[in-house]
Amino acid sequence: MRRGALLLVAVLLAPAALSACGGSSADLVVYSGRNEALFKPILDDFAEASGLQVSVRFADTTDLAGTLLEEGGSPRADVFIGQDAGALARLGEKGRLAPYDGPALDQVPAELRSADGTWTGLSARVRVLIINTEELPEAERPESLFELTDPKWKGKVAAPNATNASWIGFISEMRLKRGEDETRAWLEGMKANGLAVLGSHTDVRNAVGSGEFQIGLVNHYYYELEQREGSPVAQVVTDQEPGGFGAVVNASSGGIVKGGPNPENAKKLMDFLLTTKAQEEFAGLNFEYPVVPGVPTEGLAPLESITGTGIELARLGPQVDKTLDLLREVGLES
């Protein structure tokens, strides 16, 4: 551990360990669907700055959201952090999040937070293709997601599993923009083309970086991380032509759990995550896009230069279960 007594009280990975997470020894309990390596350093800095003992459970966003729903009116967590906005929007609709009105909230673009203040984006990301440059010359790379069902890509593409919140959000946006039938057809085409469903985005980027697959579907910062580890990779921001589908822009998001045991400390964490310091860490450590103005990014294309889908993130909440059902029906759940 990096900081001694003020570091996280517990890093809980297994569902069975949850009972250890909600004890009175912690000043703040966090459920985090963010990857531990990407998010723990920022929580460590909060613990040091605040002097609070912070207990965190790192697990899959979708699974943690289900746990919080099961806990009902007696939640063990104070703050919920998700990979994407869809999980937070769903929890907000279910009445599991409390309104938050922090000093920096108005600086977050309206499209990256809820209108009622129950959740806000903390860092933005773009869905891209990660490409192995040794296996796939630039002239041969696809420019659209919808090219990937072509037989020439058979057995050459990898994606994360269906419980991954960013993947769910991506498919939800496709359903909202292109409709159920076209999305199902695309998924069935990808399955017929031998789409490899791996465990996580990290597995996908590593597999493309090693040359096991030519193409992976990931968030942009996984390309940045793989490239900085020395792998021969590039990225493609897809469907940027006029009138095209656009790139899916989503946001890791956070919210205060309604009825959580430590609401004042929960607000302190949310305030911290929107400070310039924390936003610089999202950008500097993880190559994510900050959601408050004035924070520089390192080597990233300006977010405003990327054409998105135009789908409001708040619309993703009601789509989570329907998207999961579709992925299971097609047989791409694992």
Protein backbone atom coordinates (compact mmCIF):
# COMPACT_ATOMS: atom_id res chain seq x y z
CA MET A 1 0.00 0.00 0.00
CA ARG A 2 1.15 3.49 -0.87
CA ARG A 3 -0.02 5.67 2.01
CA GLY A 4 -0.19 3.77 5.28
CA ALA A 5 -3.00 4.28 7.80
CA LEU A 6 -5.18 6.47 5.61
CA LEU A 7 -5.37 4.02 2.73
CA LEU A 8 -8.42 1.96 1.92
CA VAL A 9 -9.56 -0.12 4.83
CA ALA A 10 -10.43 -3.05 2.57
CA VAL A 11 -10.37 -3.99 -1.08
CA LEU A 12 -13.09 -6.59 -1.41
CA LEU A 13 -13.29 -8.60 -4.59
CA ALA A 14 -15.60 -11.51 -3.82
CA PRO A 15 -19.34 -11.12 -3.24
CA ALA A 16 -19.05 -13.28 -0.11
CA ALA A 17 -16.76 -10.66 1.42
CA LEU A 18 -19.42 -7.98 1.44
CA SER A 19 -20.24 -8.35 5.12
CA ALA A 20 -16.75 -7.16 5.95
CA CYS A 21 -17.25 -4.02 3.91
CA GLY A 22 -20.08 -2.36 5.77
CA GLY A 23 -18.65 -2.38 9.28
CA SER A 24 -18.63 0.68 11.56
CA SER A 25 -14.82 0.93 11.40
CA ALA A 26 -15.06 2.61 8.00
CA ASP A 27 -15.91 6.29 7.65
CA LEU A 28 -17.03 5.74 4.07
CA VAL A 29 -18.05 2.65 2.07
CA VAL A 30 -17.70 2.71 -1.71
CA TYR A 31 -19.00 0.23 -4.26
CA SER A 32 -16.79 0.63 -7.33
CA GLY A 33 -17.38 -0.90 -10.72
CA ARG A 34 -14.26 0.89 -11.94
CA ASN A 35 -11.14 -1.21 -12.42
CA GLU A 36 -9.10 -1.25 -9.21
CA ALA A 37 -5.85 -0.26 -10.93
CA LEU A 38 -7.55 2.73 -12.58
CA PHE A 39 -9.53 4.05 -9.62
CA LYS A 40 -7.76 3.03 -6.42
CA PRO A 41 -4.99 5.67 -6.68
CA ILE A 42 -7.62 8.41 -6.75
CA LEU A 43 -9.42 6.96 -3.72
CA ASP A 44 -6.07 6.71 -1.95
CA ASP A 45 -5.51 10.42 -2.48
CA PHE A 46 -8.98 11.20 -1.16
CA ALA A 47 -8.34 9.11 1.96
CA GLU A 48 -5.08 10.94 2.60
CA ALA A 49 -6.55 14.39 1.98
CA SER A 50 -9.70 13.81 4.07
CA GLY A 51 -8.24 11.68 6.86
CA LEU A 52 -11.15 9.27 6.43
CA GLN A 53 -10.94 5.50 6.51
CA VAL A 54 -12.42 4.33 3.23
CA SER A 55 -13.63 0.80 2.57
CA VAL A 56 -14.17 -0.13 -1.08
CA ARG A 57 -15.56 -3.11 -2.87
CA PHE A 58 -14.29 -3.50 -6.42
CA ALA A 59 -16.44 -5.71 -8.64
CA ASP A 60 -18.39 -5.72 -11.90
CA THR A 61 -20.60 -2.63 -12.24
CA THR A 62 -23.67 -4.62 -13.25
CA ASP A 63 -23.25 -7.06 -10.38
CA LEU A 64 -22.72 -4.29 -7.83
CA ALA A 65 -25.81 -2.45 -9.07
CA GLY A 66 -27.77 -5.65 -8.56
CA THR A 67 -26.39 -5.96 -5.04
CA LEU A 68 -27.40 -2.41 -4.19
CA LEU A 69 -30.92 -3.03 -5.50
CA GLU A 70 -31.15 -6.18 -3.38
CA GLU A 71 -30.08 -4.26 -0.26
CA GLY A 72 -33.15 -2.06 -0.66
CA GLY A 73 -33.71 0.44 2.12
CA SER A 74 -30.74 -0.77 4.18
CA PRO A 75 -27.75 -0.14 1.91
CA ARG A 76 -24.22 -0.82 3.08
CA ALA A 77 -22.58 1.56 0.63
CA ASP A 78 -22.38 5.35 0.75
CA VAL A 79 -21.20 6.00 -2.82
CA PHE A 80 -21.68 4.00 -6.00
CA ILE A 81 -19.13 4.37 -8.81
CA GLY A 82 -19.94 2.82 -12.17
CA GLN A 83 -18.08 2.21 -15.42
CA ASP A 84 -20.80 3.98 -17.33
CA ALA A 85 -23.82 6.22 -16.90
CA GLY A 86 -26.38 3.50 -17.64
CA ALA A 87 -25.94 1.71 -14.33
CA LEU A 88 -26.23 4.99 -12.40
CA ALA A 89 -29.29 6.06 -14.40
CA ARG A 90 -30.93 2.72 -13.61
CA LEU A 91 -30.19 3.07 -9.88
CA GLY A 92 -31.55 6.61 -9.95
CA GLU A 93 -34.78 5.47 -11.53
CA LYS A 94 -35.11 2.77 -8.88
CA GLY A 95 -34.84 5.39 -6.13
CA ARG A 96 -31.48 4.16 -4.84
CA LEU A 97 -29.56 7.43 -5.25
CA ALA A 98 -29.83 10.69 -3.31
CA PRO A 99 -29.65 14.12 -4.93
CA TYR A 100 -26.18 15.65 -5.02
CA ASP A 101 -25.46 19.35 -5.50
CA GLY A 102 -21.72 19.86 -5.23
CA PRO A 103 -19.79 23.06 -5.92
CA ALA A 104 -18.47 21.85 -9.29
CA LEU A 105 -21.56 20.03 -10.52
CA ASP A 106 -22.72 22.86 -12.78
CA GLN A 107 -19.39 22.66 -14.63
CA VAL A 108 -20.14 19.12 -15.81
CA PRO A 109 -21.82 19.21 -19.24
CA ALA A 110 -25.55 18.59 -18.96
CA GLU A 111 -25.35 15.58 -21.29
CA LEU A 112 -22.94 13.87 -18.84
CA ARG A 113 -25.13 14.08 -15.72
CA SER A 114 -28.70 13.56 -14.59
CA ALA A 115 -31.17 16.42 -14.58
CA ASP A 116 -32.20 15.65 -10.99
CA GLY A 117 -28.66 15.52 -9.59
CA THR A 118 -28.78 11.86 -8.57
CA TRP A 119 -25.66 11.00 -10.58
CA THR A 120 -22.92 12.71 -12.50
CA GLY A 121 -20.24 11.74 -14.93
CA LEU A 122 -16.75 11.75 -13.44
CA SER A 123 -14.66 11.08 -16.55
CA ALA A 124 -15.62 10.61 -20.17
CA ARG A 125 -14.57 7.92 -22.64
CA VAL A 126 -15.07 7.07 -26.29
CA ARG A 127 -15.70 3.59 -27.73
CA VAL A 128 -13.02 2.80 -30.30
CA LEU A 129 -11.42 -0.08 -32.12
CA ILE A 130 -7.95 -1.05 -30.92
CA ILE A 131 -5.91 -2.35 -33.86
CA ASN A 132 -2.73 -4.44 -33.97
CA THR A 133 -0.64 -2.46 -36.46
CA GLU A 134 1.67 -5.37 -37.31
CA GLU A 135 -1.29 -7.53 -38.27
CA LEU A 136 -3.41 -4.88 -39.95
CA PRO A 137 -1.95 -2.10 -42.17
CA GLU A 138 -3.65 1.28 -41.99
CA ALA A 139 -5.21 1.05 -45.44
CA GLU A 140 -7.03 -2.16 -44.47
CA ARG A 141 -8.53 -1.04 -41.17
CA PRO A 142 -12.33 -0.79 -40.87
CA GLU A 143 -13.84 2.66 -40.41
CA SER A 144 -17.23 1.48 -39.20
CA LEU A 145 -18.47 -0.94 -36.55
CA PHE A 146 -20.87 -2.29 -39.11
CA GLU A 147 -18.04 -3.51 -41.35
CA LEU A 148 -17.04 -6.06 -38.72
CA THR A 149 -19.69 -8.56 -39.77
CA ASP A 150 -17.88 -8.95 -43.11
CA PRO A 151 -16.48 -12.51 -43.42
CA LYS A 152 -12.96 -11.11 -43.86
CA TRP A 153 -12.93 -10.32 -40.13
CA LYS A 154 -13.96 -13.82 -39.08
CA GLY A 155 -12.06 -14.89 -35.97
CA LYS A 156 -10.12 -11.61 -35.82
CA VAL A 157 -12.21 -9.50 -33.41
CA ALA A 158 -12.52 -9.57 -29.60
CA ALA A 159 -14.89 -7.87 -27.15
CA PRO A 160 -15.52 -7.92 -23.37
CA ASN A 161 -18.21 -10.10 -21.83
CA ALA A 162 -21.83 -9.07 -21.65
CA THR A 163 -21.82 -8.05 -17.99
CA ASN A 164 -19.34 -5.27 -18.72
CA ALA A 165 -21.19 -1.99 -18.20
CA SER A 166 -19.40 -0.14 -21.00
CA TRP A 167 -20.27 -2.91 -23.46
CA ILE A 168 -23.89 -2.84 -22.27
CA GLY A 169 -24.01 0.93 -22.73
CA PHE A 170 -22.57 0.61 -26.22
CA ILE A 171 -25.17 -1.94 -27.29
CA SER A 172 -27.93 0.11 -25.63
CA GLU A 173 -26.97 3.16 -27.69
CA MET A 174 -27.04 1.03 -30.84
CA ARG A 175 -30.53 -0.19 -29.94
CA LEU A 176 -31.73 3.35 -29.31
CA LYS A 177 -30.27 4.77 -32.52
CA ARG A 178 -30.55 1.87 -34.97
CA GLY A 179 -33.43 -0.09 -33.47
CA GLU A 180 -33.85 -3.56 -32.00
CA ASP A 181 -33.87 -5.48 -35.28
CA GLU A 182 -30.73 -3.93 -36.72
CA THR A 183 -28.86 -4.31 -33.42
CA ARG A 184 -29.86 -7.96 -33.15
CA ALA A 185 -28.76 -8.53 -36.74
CA TRP A 186 -25.38 -6.92 -36.01
CA LEU A 187 -24.85 -9.03 -32.90
CA GLU A 188 -25.86 -12.20 -34.69
CA GLY A 189 -23.50 -11.28 -37.51
CA MET A 190 -20.68 -10.75 -35.04
CA LYS A 191 -21.37 -14.09 -33.40
CA ALA A 192 -21.46 -15.86 -36.76
CA ASN A 193 -18.16 -14.17 -37.54
CA GLY A 194 -16.54 -15.75 -34.49
CA LEU A 195 -16.47 -12.73 -32.15
CA ALA A 196 -14.25 -13.71 -29.22
CA VAL A 197 -15.88 -12.74 -25.91
CA LEU A 198 -13.14 -12.25 -23.34
CA GLY A 199 -13.34 -11.45 -19.65
CA SER A 200 -12.64 -7.71 -19.64
CA HIS A 201 -11.39 -4.74 -21.61
CA THR A 202 -7.91 -5.39 -20.21
CA ASP A 203 -8.05 -8.92 -21.62
CA VAL A 204 -9.14 -7.49 -24.98
CA ARG A 205 -6.38 -4.88 -25.20
CA ASN A 206 -3.74 -7.41 -24.15
CA ALA A 207 -4.96 -9.94 -26.71
CA VAL A 208 -4.81 -7.36 -29.50
CA GLY A 209 -1.48 -6.05 -28.31
CA SER A 210 0.01 -9.56 -28.45
CA GLY A 211 -1.39 -10.20 -31.93
CA GLU A 212 -3.86 -12.88 -30.84
CA PHE A 213 -6.59 -10.76 -32.46
CA GLN A 214 -6.35 -7.98 -35.00
CA ILE A 215 -9.18 -5.84 -33.60
CA GLY A 216 -10.77 -5.22 -30.21
CA LEU A 217 -13.77 -3.18 -29.08
CA VAL A 218 -12.70 -1.06 -26.12
CA ASN A 219 -12.84 2.36 -24.48
CA HIS A 220 -10.21 4.72 -25.85
CA TYR A 221 -8.02 4.72 -22.74
CA TYR A 222 -7.38 0.98 -23.03
CA TYR A 223 -5.71 1.72 -26.35
CA GLU A 224 -3.70 4.46 -24.65
CA LEU A 225 -2.60 2.11 -21.86
CA GLU A 226 -1.65 -0.69 -24.28
CA GLN A 227 0.23 1.69 -26.57
CA ARG A 228 2.21 3.10 -23.65
CA GLU A 229 3.22 -0.42 -22.67
CA GLY A 230 4.99 -0.70 -26.01
CA SER A 231 2.51 -2.83 -27.95
CA PRO A 232 2.10 -2.21 -31.70
CA VAL A 233 -1.41 -0.79 -31.57
CA ALA A 234 -3.46 2.05 -33.05
CA GLN A 235 -7.07 3.13 -32.58
CA VAL A 236 -9.94 3.86 -34.93
CA VAL A 237 -12.75 6.20 -33.88
CA THR A 238 -15.53 4.66 -35.92
CA ASP A 239 -18.48 5.90 -37.98
CA GLN A 240 -17.42 9.54 -38.22
CA GLU A 241 -18.81 10.16 -41.70
CA PRO A 242 -21.64 12.72 -42.05
CA GLY A 243 -24.92 11.10 -41.09
CA GLY A 244 -23.16 8.03 -39.69
CA PHE A 245 -23.79 6.19 -36.46
CA GLY A 246 -21.11 8.16 -34.61
CA ALA A 247 -18.88 7.05 -31.77
CA VAL A 248 -20.38 6.08 -28.42
CA VAL A 249 -19.32 8.63 -25.79
CA ASN A 250 -20.09 7.54 -22.25
CA ALA A 251 -18.90 8.51 -18.76
CA SER A 252 -17.77 6.71 -15.67
CA SER A 253 -20.25 8.05 -13.15
CA GLY A 254 -20.91 8.34 -9.46
CA GLY A 255 -23.76 8.95 -7.07
CA ILE A 256 -24.55 9.09 -3.37
CA VAL A 257 -26.48 6.06 -2.17
CA LYS A 258 -29.83 7.00 -0.66
CA GLY A 259 -29.96 5.91 2.98
CA GLY A 260 -26.24 5.12 3.14
CA PRO A 261 -24.68 5.19 6.63
CA ASN A 262 -22.31 8.13 6.01
CA PRO A 263 -24.02 10.75 3.80
CA GLU A 264 -21.78 13.69 4.77
CA ASN A 265 -18.63 11.74 3.93
CA ALA A 266 -20.25 10.55 0.71
CA LYS A 267 -20.68 14.16 -0.36
CA LYS A 268 -17.04 14.86 0.48
CA LEU A 269 -15.93 12.11 -1.89
CA MET A 270 -18.21 13.29 -4.69
CA ASP A 271 -16.92 16.85 -4.22
CA PHE A 272 -13.33 15.57 -4.37
CA LEU A 273 -13.88 13.58 -7.56
CA LEU A 274 -14.89 16.77 -9.38
CA THR A 275 -11.93 18.82 -8.14
CA THR A 276 -9.19 19.83 -10.54
CA LYS A 277 -6.78 17.52 -8.69
CA ALA A 278 -8.93 14.42 -9.15
CA GLN A 279 -9.82 15.34 -12.72
CA GLU A 280 -6.11 15.73 -13.50
CA GLU A 281 -5.58 12.22 -12.13
CA PHE A 282 -8.32 10.78 -14.34
CA ALA A 283 -6.61 12.42 -17.31
CA GLY A 284 -2.98 11.91 -16.31
CA LEU A 285 -3.09 8.40 -14.87
CA ASN A 286 -5.77 6.83 -17.05
CA PHE A 287 -5.91 9.00 -20.19
CA GLU A 288 -9.62 9.66 -19.64
CA TYR A 289 -11.41 12.86 -20.60
CA PRO A 290 -12.06 15.17 -17.63
CA VAL A 291 -15.62 16.39 -17.21
CA VAL A 292 -14.81 19.81 -15.76
CA PRO A 293 -13.25 22.56 -17.89
CA GLY A 294 -9.65 23.67 -17.80
CA VAL A 295 -8.04 20.27 -17.17
CA PRO A 296 -5.50 19.35 -19.86
CA THR A 297 -5.41 15.95 -21.55
CA GLU A 298 -2.25 14.26 -22.75
CA GLY A 299 -2.18 13.45 -26.45
CA LEU A 300 -5.94 12.88 -26.80
CA ALA A 301 -8.04 14.20 -29.65
CA PRO A 302 -10.33 16.92 -28.27
CA LEU A 303 -13.63 15.37 -27.24
CA GLU A 304 -15.52 18.05 -29.14
CA SER A 305 -13.78 16.90 -32.35
CA ILE A 306 -15.47 13.49 -32.15
CA THR A 307 -18.95 12.98 -33.56
CA GLY A 308 -21.04 11.06 -31.05
CA THR A 309 -24.28 9.15 -31.46
CA GLY A 310 -26.40 11.95 -30.02
CA ILE A 311 -28.02 9.58 -27.50
CA GLU A 312 -28.50 11.16 -24.07
CA LEU A 313 -26.83 9.11 -21.34
CA ALA A 314 -29.87 9.48 -19.10
CA ARG A 315 -31.79 7.31 -21.58
CA LEU A 316 -29.54 4.32 -20.94
CA GLY A 317 -30.95 3.38 -17.53
CA PRO A 318 -34.18 1.74 -18.76
CA GLN A 319 -32.22 -0.12 -21.45
CA VAL A 320 -29.88 -2.13 -19.22
CA ASP A 321 -32.10 -5.16 -18.66
CA LYS A 322 -33.35 -5.20 -22.25
CA THR A 323 -29.81 -5.08 -23.58
CA LEU A 324 -28.67 -7.88 -21.27
CA ASP A 325 -31.64 -9.97 -22.42
CA LEU A 326 -30.69 -9.38 -26.05
CA LEU A 327 -27.05 -10.34 -25.49
CA ARG A 328 -28.15 -13.54 -23.76
CA GLU A 329 -30.65 -14.36 -26.49
CA VAL A 330 -27.97 -13.95 -29.15
CA GLY A 331 -25.54 -16.00 -27.05
CA LEU A 332 -22.85 -13.39 -26.46
CA GLU A 333 -23.07 -13.34 -22.69
CA SER A 334 -19.72 -15.01 -22.02
